[in-house]
PDB file of all heavy atoms in Angstrom:
ATOM      1  N   LEU A   1       0.838  -1.199   0.000  1.00  0.00           N
ATOM      2  CA  LEU A   1       0.000   0.000   0.000  1.00  0.00           C
ATOM      3  C   LEU A   1       0.872   1.248   0.000  1.00  0.00           C
ATOM      4  O   LEU A   1       1.810   1.364   0.793  1.00  0.00           O
ATOM      5  CB  LEU A   1      -0.906   0.012   1.232  1.00  0.00           C
ATOM      6  CG  LEU A   1      -1.805   1.240   1.375  1.00  0.00           C
ATOM      7  CD1 LEU A   1      -2.787   1.343   0.208  1.00  0.00           C
ATOM      8  CD2 LEU A   1      -2.549   1.191   2.690  1.00  0.00           C
ATOM      9  N   CYS A   2       0.572   2.161  -0.905  1.00  0.00           N
ATOM     10  CA  CYS A   2       1.273   3.440  -1.005  1.00  0.00           C
ATOM     11  C   CYS A   2       0.209   4.526  -1.147  1.00  0.00           C
ATOM     12  O   CYS A   2      -0.649   4.448  -2.024  1.00  0.00           O
ATOM     13  CB  CYS A   2       2.205   3.431  -2.211  1.00  0.00           C
ATOM     14  SG  CYS A   2       3.362   4.810  -2.259  1.00  0.00           S
ATOM     15  N   ARG A   3       0.250   5.519  -0.264  1.00  0.00           N
ATOM     16  CA  ARG A   3      -0.781   6.559  -0.228  1.00  0.00           C
ATOM     17  C   ARG A   3      -0.189   7.901  -0.648  1.00  0.00           C
ATOM     18  O   ARG A   3       0.935   8.226  -0.283  1.00  0.00           O
ATOM     19  CB  ARG A   3      -1.343   6.651   1.193  1.00  0.00           C
ATOM     20  CG  ARG A   3      -1.959   5.343   1.643  1.00  0.00           C
ATOM     21  CD  ARG A   3      -2.147   5.232   3.156  1.00  0.00           C
ATOM     22  NE  ARG A   3      -2.918   6.318   3.717  1.00  0.00           N
ATOM     23  CZ  ARG A   3      -2.460   7.150   4.671  1.00  0.00           C
ATOM     24  NH1 ARG A   3      -1.248   7.019   5.149  1.00  0.00           N
ATOM     25  NH2 ARG A   3      -3.229   8.095   5.133  1.00  0.00           N
ATOM     26  N   PHE A   4      -0.975   8.668  -1.428  1.00  0.00           N
ATOM     27  CA  PHE A   4      -0.552   9.986  -1.902  1.00  0.00           C
ATOM     28  C   PHE A   4      -1.616  11.015  -1.517  1.00  0.00           C
ATOM     29  O   PHE A   4      -2.788  10.853  -1.855  1.00  0.00           O
ATOM     30  CB  PHE A   4      -0.377   9.984  -3.423  1.00  0.00           C
ATOM     31  CG  PHE A   4       0.747   9.104  -3.903  1.00  0.00           C
ATOM     32  CD1 PHE A   4       0.526   7.758  -4.158  1.00  0.00           C
ATOM     33  CD2 PHE A   4       2.019   9.619  -4.096  1.00  0.00           C
ATOM     34  CE1 PHE A   4       1.550   6.937  -4.607  1.00  0.00           C
ATOM     35  CE2 PHE A   4       3.051   8.812  -4.547  1.00  0.00           C
ATOM     36  CZ  PHE A   4       2.818   7.469  -4.794  1.00  0.00           C
ATOM     37  N   LEU A   5      -1.208  12.081  -0.819  1.00  0.00           N
ATOM     38  CA  LEU A   5      -2.124  13.163  -0.433  1.00  0.00           C
ATOM     39  C   LEU A   5      -2.311  14.090  -1.631  1.00  0.00           C
ATOM     40  O   LEU A   5      -1.359  14.681  -2.138  1.00  0.00           O
ATOM     41  CB  LEU A   5      -1.557  13.944   0.752  1.00  0.00           C
ATOM     42  CG  LEU A   5      -2.395  15.105   1.263  1.00  0.00           C
ATOM     43  CD1 LEU A   5      -3.732  14.597   1.828  1.00  0.00           C
ATOM     44  CD2 LEU A   5      -1.635  15.893   2.323  1.00  0.00           C
ATOM     45  N   LEU A   6      -3.547  14.210  -2.101  1.00  0.00           N
ATOM     46  CA  LEU A   6      -3.837  15.049  -3.262  1.00  0.00           C
ATOM     47  C   LEU A   6      -3.880  16.519  -2.853  1.00  0.00           C
ATOM     48  O   LEU A   6      -4.396  16.854  -1.786  1.00  0.00           O
ATOM     49  CB  LEU A   6      -5.163  14.633  -3.890  1.00  0.00           C
ATOM     50  CG  LEU A   6      -5.186  13.212  -4.465  1.00  0.00           C
ATOM     51  CD1 LEU A   6      -6.584  12.867  -4.960  1.00  0.00           C
ATOM     52  CD2 LEU A   6      -4.169  13.063  -5.576  1.00  0.00           C
ATOM     53  N   PRO A   7      -3.372  17.415  -3.701  1.00  0.00           N
ATOM     54  CA  PRO A   7      -3.335  18.834  -3.356  1.00  0.00           C
ATOM     55  C   PRO A   7      -4.611  19.598  -3.704  1.00  0.00           C
ATOM     56  O   PRO A   7      -4.702  20.796  -3.457  1.00  0.00           O
ATOM     57  CB  PRO A   7      -2.163  19.355  -4.199  1.00  0.00           C
ATOM     58  CG  PRO A   7      -2.203  18.498  -5.425  1.00  0.00           C
ATOM     59  CD  PRO A   7      -2.637  17.135  -4.930  1.00  0.00           C
ATOM     60  N   PHE A   8      -5.602  18.926  -4.273  1.00  0.00           N
ATOM     61  CA  PHE A   8      -6.810  19.614  -4.713  1.00  0.00           C
ATOM     62  C   PHE A   8      -7.667  20.011  -3.518  1.00  0.00           C
ATOM     63  O   PHE A   8      -7.842  19.231  -2.588  1.00  0.00           O
ATOM     64  CB  PHE A   8      -7.647  18.717  -5.628  1.00  0.00           C
ATOM     65  CG  PHE A   8      -6.851  18.022  -6.703  1.00  0.00           C
ATOM     66  CD1 PHE A   8      -7.012  16.672  -6.930  1.00  0.00           C
ATOM     67  CD2 PHE A   8      -5.951  18.719  -7.487  1.00  0.00           C
ATOM     68  CE1 PHE A   8      -6.301  16.021  -7.920  1.00  0.00           C
ATOM     69  CE2 PHE A   8      -5.221  18.078  -8.470  1.00  0.00           C
ATOM     70  CZ  PHE A   8      -5.396  16.730  -8.692  1.00  0.00           C
ATOM     71  N   GLU A   9      -8.235  21.201  -3.573  1.00  0.00           N
ATOM     72  CA  GLU A   9      -9.117  21.638  -2.493  1.00  0.00           C
ATOM     73  C   GLU A   9     -10.469  20.948  -2.571  1.00  0.00           C
ATOM     74  O   GLU A   9     -11.102  20.702  -1.559  1.00  0.00           O
ATOM     75  CB  GLU A   9      -9.282  23.154  -2.529  1.00  0.00           C
ATOM     76  CG  GLU A   9      -8.005  23.878  -2.157  1.00  0.00           C
ATOM     77  CD  GLU A   9      -8.190  25.371  -2.045  1.00  0.00           C
ATOM     78  OE1 GLU A   9      -9.335  25.831  -1.889  1.00  0.00           O
ATOM     79  OE2 GLU A   9      -7.171  26.078  -2.110  1.00  0.00           O
ATOM     80  N   ASP A  10     -10.924  20.638  -3.777  1.00  0.00           N
ATOM     81  CA  ASP A  10     -12.213  19.967  -3.950  1.00  0.00           C
ATOM     82  C   ASP A  10     -12.029  18.469  -3.817  1.00  0.00           C
ATOM     83  O   ASP A  10     -10.996  17.916  -4.201  1.00  0.00           O
ATOM     84  CB  ASP A  10     -12.807  20.271  -5.334  1.00  0.00           C
ATOM     85  CG  ASP A  10     -13.046  21.754  -5.533  1.00  0.00           C
ATOM     86  OD1 ASP A  10     -13.349  22.436  -4.534  1.00  0.00           O
ATOM     87  OD2 ASP A  10     -12.920  22.216  -6.670  1.00  0.00           O
ATOM     88  N   ARG A  11     -13.034  17.795  -3.293  1.00  0.00           N
ATOM     89  CA  ARG A  11     -13.003  16.333  -3.219  1.00  0.00           C
ATOM     90  C   ARG A  11     -13.177  15.774  -4.625  1.00  0.00           C
ATOM     91  O   ARG A  11     -14.072  16.185  -5.348  1.00  0.00           O
ATOM     92  CB  ARG A  11     -14.112  15.819  -2.304  1.00  0.00           C
ATOM     93  CG  ARG A  11     -13.916  16.222  -0.856  1.00  0.00           C
ATOM     94  CD  ARG A  11     -15.075  15.755  -0.008  1.00  0.00           C
ATOM     95  NE  ARG A  11     -15.332  14.338  -0.142  1.00  0.00           N
ATOM     96  CZ  ARG A  11     -14.730  13.382   0.567  1.00  0.00           C
ATOM     97  NH1 ARG A  11     -13.830  13.716   1.460  1.00  0.00           N
ATOM     98  NH2 ARG A  11     -15.047  12.114   0.406  1.00  0.00           N
ATOM     99  N   VAL A  12     -12.321  14.841  -5.010  1.00  0.00           N
ATOM    100  CA  VAL A  12     -12.398  14.294  -6.359  1.00  0.00           C
ATOM    101  C   VAL A  12     -13.529  13.286  -6.506  1.00  0.00           C
ATOM    102  O   VAL A  12     -13.837  12.876  -7.615  1.00  0.00           O
ATOM    103  CB  VAL A  12     -11.064  13.645  -6.804  1.00  0.00           C
ATOM    104  CG1 VAL A  12      -9.979  14.684  -6.876  1.00  0.00           C
ATOM    105  CG2 VAL A  12     -10.684  12.500  -5.905  1.00  0.00           C
ATOM    106  N   THR A  13     -14.176  12.903  -5.413  1.00  0.00           N
ATOM    107  CA  THR A  13     -15.288  11.954  -5.505  1.00  0.00           C
ATOM    108  C   THR A  13     -16.636  12.645  -5.465  1.00  0.00           C
ATOM    109  O   THR A  13     -17.663  12.004  -5.371  1.00  0.00           O
ATOM    110  CB  THR A  13     -15.220  10.921  -4.377  1.00  0.00           C
ATOM    111  OG1 THR A  13     -15.216  11.607  -3.124  1.00  0.00           O
ATOM    112  CG2 THR A  13     -13.984  10.060  -4.501  1.00  0.00           C
ATOM    113  N   GLU A  14     -16.649  13.964  -5.543  1.00  0.00           N
ATOM    114  CA  GLU A  14     -17.910  14.693  -5.572  1.00  0.00           C
ATOM    115  C   GLU A  14     -17.895  15.616  -6.772  1.00  0.00           C
ATOM    116  O   GLU A  14     -16.863  16.208  -7.068  1.00  0.00           O
ATOM    117  CB  GLU A  14     -18.089  15.526  -4.300  1.00  0.00           C
ATOM    118  CG  GLU A  14     -18.244  14.660  -3.073  1.00  0.00           C
ATOM    119  CD  GLU A  14     -18.328  15.501  -1.807  1.00  0.00           C
ATOM    120  OE1 GLU A  14     -18.257  16.732  -1.896  1.00  0.00           O
ATOM    121  OE2 GLU A  14     -18.451  14.910  -0.755  1.00  0.00           O
ATOM    122  N   PRO A  15     -18.951  15.838  -7.480  1.00  0.00           N
ATOM    123  CA  PRO A  15     -20.262  15.241  -7.385  1.00  0.00           C
ATOM    124  C   PRO A  15     -20.263  13.813  -7.929  1.00  0.00           C
ATOM    125  O   PRO A  15     -19.252  13.342  -8.437  1.00  0.00           O
ATOM    126  CB  PRO A  15     -21.146  16.159  -8.229  1.00  0.00           C
ATOM    127  CG  PRO A  15     -20.217  16.736  -9.247  1.00  0.00           C
ATOM    128  CD  PRO A  15     -18.871  16.836  -8.550  1.00  0.00           C
ATOM    129  N   PRO A  16     -21.420  13.151  -7.878  1.00  0.00           N
ATOM    130  CA  PRO A  16     -21.501  11.777  -8.355  1.00  0.00           C
ATOM    131  C   PRO A  16     -20.967  11.642  -9.784  1.00  0.00           C
ATOM    132  O   PRO A  16     -21.205  12.500 -10.632  1.00  0.00           O
ATOM    133  CB  PRO A  16     -22.999  11.462  -8.301  1.00  0.00           C
ATOM    134  CG  PRO A  16     -23.519  12.370  -7.238  1.00  0.00           C
ATOM    135  CD  PRO A  16     -22.694  13.637  -7.346  1.00  0.00           C
ATOM    136  N   GLY A  17     -20.207  10.580 -10.026  1.00  0.00           N
ATOM    137  CA  GLY A  17     -19.621  10.356 -11.334  1.00  0.00           C
ATOM    138  C   GLY A  17     -18.195  10.854 -11.453  1.00  0.00           C
ATOM    139  O   GLY A  17     -17.465  10.486 -12.359  1.00  0.00           O
ATOM    140  N   PHE A  18     -17.763  11.697 -10.525  1.00  0.00           N
ATOM    141  CA  PHE A  18     -16.436  12.291 -10.591  1.00  0.00           C
ATOM    142  C   PHE A  18     -15.354  11.250 -10.314  1.00  0.00           C
ATOM    143  O   PHE A  18     -14.344  11.215 -10.984  1.00  0.00           O
ATOM    144  CB  PHE A  18     -16.356  13.426  -9.580  1.00  0.00           C
ATOM    145  CG  PHE A  18     -15.319  14.469  -9.904  1.00  0.00           C
ATOM    146  CD1 PHE A  18     -15.152  14.944 -11.193  1.00  0.00           C
ATOM    147  CD2 PHE A  18     -14.527  14.992  -8.908  1.00  0.00           C
ATOM    148  CE1 PHE A  18     -14.213  15.918 -11.484  1.00  0.00           C
ATOM    149  CE2 PHE A  18     -13.592  15.966  -9.184  1.00  0.00           C
ATOM    150  CZ  PHE A  18     -13.432  16.427 -10.471  1.00  0.00           C
ATOM    151  N   GLU A  19     -15.582  10.367  -9.358  1.00  0.00           N
ATOM    152  CA  GLU A  19     -14.581   9.362  -9.006  1.00  0.00           C
ATOM    153  C   GLU A  19     -14.268   8.434 -10.178  1.00  0.00           C
ATOM    154  O   GLU A  19     -13.143   7.986 -10.340  1.00  0.00           O
ATOM    155  CB  GLU A  19     -15.057   8.543  -7.812  1.00  0.00           C
ATOM    156  CG  GLU A  19     -14.064   7.519  -7.340  1.00  0.00           C
ATOM    157  CD  GLU A  19     -14.548   6.813  -6.108  1.00  0.00           C
ATOM    158  OE1 GLU A  19     -15.498   7.262  -5.464  1.00  0.00           O
ATOM    159  OE2 GLU A  19     -13.947   5.778  -5.792  1.00  0.00           O
ATOM    160  N   ASP A  20     -15.275   8.168 -11.003  1.00  0.00           N
ATOM    161  CA  ASP A  20     -15.084   7.281 -12.146  1.00  0.00           C
ATOM    162  C   ASP A  20     -14.148   7.878 -13.186  1.00  0.00           C
ATOM    163  O   ASP A  20     -13.727   7.189 -14.104  1.00  0.00           O
ATOM    164  CB  ASP A  20     -16.428   6.962 -12.807  1.00  0.00           C
ATOM    165  CG  ASP A  20     -17.332   6.163 -11.900  1.00  0.00           C
ATOM    166  OD1 ASP A  20     -16.828   5.501 -10.984  1.00  0.00           O
ATOM    167  OD2 ASP A  20     -18.551   6.218 -12.124  1.00  0.00           O
ATOM    168  N   GLN A  21     -13.842   9.148 -13.053  1.00  0.00           N
ATOM    169  CA  GLN A  21     -13.010   9.827 -14.037  1.00  0.00           C
ATOM    170  C   GLN A  21     -11.714  10.306 -13.406  1.00  0.00           C
ATOM    171  O   GLN A  21     -11.239  11.393 -13.654  1.00  0.00           O
ATOM    172  CB  GLN A  21     -13.788  10.974 -14.649  1.00  0.00           C
ATOM    173  CG  GLN A  21     -15.008  10.471 -15.394  1.00  0.00           C
ATOM    174  CD  GLN A  21     -15.910  11.598 -15.784  1.00  0.00           C
ATOM    175  OE1 GLN A  21     -15.466  12.689 -16.096  1.00  0.00           O
ATOM    176  NE2 GLN A  21     -17.198  11.348 -15.766  1.00  0.00           N
ATOM    177  N   PHE A  22     -11.126   9.469 -12.587  1.00  0.00           N
ATOM    178  CA  PHE A  22      -9.850   9.746 -11.945  1.00  0.00           C
ATOM    179  C   PHE A  22      -8.801   8.846 -12.588  1.00  0.00           C
ATOM    180  O   PHE A  22      -8.981   7.640 -12.683  1.00  0.00           O
ATOM    181  CB  PHE A  22      -9.938   9.473 -10.438  1.00  0.00           C
ATOM    182  CG  PHE A  22      -8.706   9.885  -9.696  1.00  0.00           C
ATOM    183  CD1 PHE A  22      -8.517  11.198  -9.332  1.00  0.00           C
ATOM    184  CD2 PHE A  22      -7.731   8.953  -9.382  1.00  0.00           C
ATOM    185  CE1 PHE A  22      -7.371  11.591  -8.664  1.00  0.00           C
ATOM    186  CE2 PHE A  22      -6.582   9.331  -8.711  1.00  0.00           C
ATOM    187  CZ  PHE A  22      -6.399  10.655  -8.354  1.00  0.00           C
ATOM    188  N   TYR A  23      -7.712   9.449 -13.059  1.00  0.00           N
ATOM    189  CA  TYR A  23      -6.694   8.709 -13.796  1.00  0.00           C
ATOM    190  C   TYR A  23      -5.346   8.816 -13.090  1.00  0.00           C
ATOM    191  O   TYR A  23      -4.996   9.864 -12.553  1.00  0.00           O
ATOM    192  CB  TYR A  23      -6.545   9.266 -15.222  1.00  0.00           C
ATOM    193  CG  TYR A  23      -7.824   9.233 -15.994  1.00  0.00           C
ATOM    194  CD1 TYR A  23      -8.682  10.330 -16.022  1.00  0.00           C
ATOM    195  CD2 TYR A  23      -8.199   8.096 -16.693  1.00  0.00           C
ATOM    196  CE1 TYR A  23      -9.874  10.298 -16.720  1.00  0.00           C
ATOM    197  CE2 TYR A  23      -9.396   8.051 -17.406  1.00  0.00           C
ATOM    198  CZ  TYR A  23     -10.218   9.161 -17.405  1.00  0.00           C
ATOM    199  OH  TYR A  23     -11.406   9.120 -18.097  1.00  0.00           O
ATOM    200  N   VAL A  24      -4.602   7.722 -13.127  1.00  0.00           N
ATOM    201  CA  VAL A  24      -3.248   7.689 -12.573  1.00  0.00           C
ATOM    202  C   VAL A  24      -2.311   7.176 -13.656  1.00  0.00           C
ATOM    203  O   VAL A  24      -2.548   6.118 -14.233  1.00  0.00           O
ATOM    204  CB  VAL A  24      -3.151   6.765 -11.336  1.00  0.00           C
ATOM    205  CG1 VAL A  24      -1.729   6.714 -10.815  1.00  0.00           C
ATOM    206  CG2 VAL A  24      -4.119   7.208 -10.250  1.00  0.00           C
ATOM    207  N   THR A  25      -1.265   7.946 -13.938  1.00  0.00           N
ATOM    208  CA  THR A  25      -0.207   7.505 -14.837  1.00  0.00           C
ATOM    209  C   THR A  25       1.025   7.284 -13.973  1.00  0.00           C
ATOM    210  O   THR A  25       1.493   8.206 -13.313  1.00  0.00           O
ATOM    211  CB  THR A  25       0.083   8.552 -15.926  1.00  0.00           C
ATOM    212  OG1 THR A  25      -1.132   8.842 -16.618  1.00  0.00           O
ATOM    213  CG2 THR A  25       1.129   8.058 -16.898  1.00  0.00           C
ATOM    214  N   PHE A  26       1.516   6.060 -13.959  1.00  0.00           N
ATOM    215  CA  PHE A  26       2.595   5.674 -13.048  1.00  0.00           C
ATOM    216  C   PHE A  26       3.789   5.180 -13.850  1.00  0.00           C
ATOM    217  O   PHE A  26       3.645   4.347 -14.744  1.00  0.00           O
ATOM    218  CB  PHE A  26       2.106   4.556 -12.114  1.00  0.00           C
ATOM    219  CG  PHE A  26       3.086   4.198 -11.036  1.00  0.00           C
ATOM    220  CD1 PHE A  26       2.988   4.784  -9.792  1.00  0.00           C
ATOM    221  CD2 PHE A  26       4.099   3.285 -11.265  1.00  0.00           C
ATOM    222  CE1 PHE A  26       3.889   4.473  -8.790  1.00  0.00           C
ATOM    223  CE2 PHE A  26       5.004   2.967 -10.275  1.00  0.00           C
ATOM    224  CZ  PHE A  26       4.903   3.556  -9.033  1.00  0.00           C
ATOM    225  N   LYS A  27       4.976   5.688 -13.520  1.00  0.00           N
ATOM    226  CA  LYS A  27       6.200   5.240 -14.187  1.00  0.00           C
ATOM    227  C   LYS A  27       7.257   4.936 -13.130  1.00  0.00           C
ATOM    228  O   LYS A  27       7.545   5.771 -12.275  1.00  0.00           O
ATOM    229  CB  LYS A  27       6.730   6.319 -15.132  1.00  0.00           C
ATOM    230  CG  LYS A  27       8.031   5.932 -15.818  1.00  0.00           C
ATOM    231  CD  LYS A  27       8.524   7.027 -16.732  1.00  0.00           C
ATOM    232  CE  LYS A  27       9.807   6.602 -17.417  1.00  0.00           C
ATOM    233  NZ  LYS A  27      10.319   7.658 -18.281  1.00  0.00           N
ATOM    234  N   SER A  28       7.816   3.727 -13.188  1.00  0.00           N
ATOM    235  CA  SER A  28       8.943   3.355 -12.351  1.00  0.00           C
ATOM    236  C   SER A  28      10.204   3.668 -13.144  1.00  0.00           C
ATOM    237  O   SER A  28      10.524   2.981 -14.114  1.00  0.00           O
ATOM    238  CB  SER A  28       8.875   1.877 -11.984  1.00  0.00           C
ATOM    239  OG  SER A  28      10.015   1.514 -11.223  1.00  0.00           O
ATOM    240  N   VAL A  29      10.916   4.702 -12.758  1.00  0.00           N
ATOM    241  CA  VAL A  29      12.072   5.177 -13.516  1.00  0.00           C
ATOM    242  C   VAL A  29      13.200   4.143 -13.510  1.00  0.00           C
ATOM    243  O   VAL A  29      13.865   3.936 -14.520  1.00  0.00           O
ATOM    244  CB  VAL A  29      12.562   6.533 -12.966  1.00  0.00           C
ATOM    245  CG1 VAL A  29      13.821   7.004 -13.679  1.00  0.00           C
ATOM    246  CG2 VAL A  29      11.456   7.574 -13.081  1.00  0.00           C
ATOM    247  N   ASP A  30      13.413   3.479 -12.377  1.00  0.00           N
ATOM    248  CA  ASP A  30      14.513   2.519 -12.248  1.00  0.00           C
ATOM    249  C   ASP A  30      14.064   1.060 -12.297  1.00  0.00           C
ATOM    250  O   ASP A  30      14.843   0.151 -12.025  1.00  0.00           O
ATOM    251  CB  ASP A  30      15.291   2.774 -10.968  1.00  0.00           C
ATOM    252  CG  ASP A  30      14.404   2.749  -9.736  1.00  0.00           C
ATOM    253  OD1 ASP A  30      13.233   2.329  -9.839  1.00  0.00           O
ATOM    254  OD2 ASP A  30      14.875   3.157  -8.660  1.00  0.00           O
ATOM    255  N   SER A  31      12.805   0.820 -12.629  1.00  0.00           N
ATOM    256  CA  SER A  31      12.214  -0.530 -12.732  1.00  0.00           C
ATOM    257  C   SER A  31      12.191  -1.291 -11.408  1.00  0.00           C
ATOM    258  O   SER A  31      12.059  -2.511 -11.398  1.00  0.00           O
ATOM    259  CB  SER A  31      12.941  -1.372 -13.796  1.00  0.00           C
ATOM    260  OG  SER A  31      12.837  -0.752 -15.049  1.00  0.00           O
ATOM    261  N   ASN A  32      12.292  -0.596 -10.288  1.00  0.00           N
ATOM    262  CA  ASN A  32      12.210  -1.258  -8.986  1.00  0.00           C
ATOM    263  C   ASN A  32      10.770  -1.525  -8.558  1.00  0.00           C
ATOM    264  O   ASN A  32      10.542  -2.217  -7.573  1.00  0.00           O
ATOM    265  CB  ASN A  32      12.929  -0.439  -7.913  1.00  0.00           C
ATOM    266  CG  ASN A  32      14.436  -0.565  -8.040  1.00  0.00           C
ATOM    267  OD1 ASN A  32      14.941  -1.447  -8.723  1.00  0.00           O
ATOM    268  ND2 ASN A  32      15.155   0.331  -7.391  1.00  0.00           N
TER     269      ASN A  32
END
């Protein structure tokens, strides 16, 4: 488990339907 604190003032899960449109692009630079 790895947790990241989002800097947005608004909750990304509001209004309804907003959570379904959350994207994460993840890159391991050193392949670890």
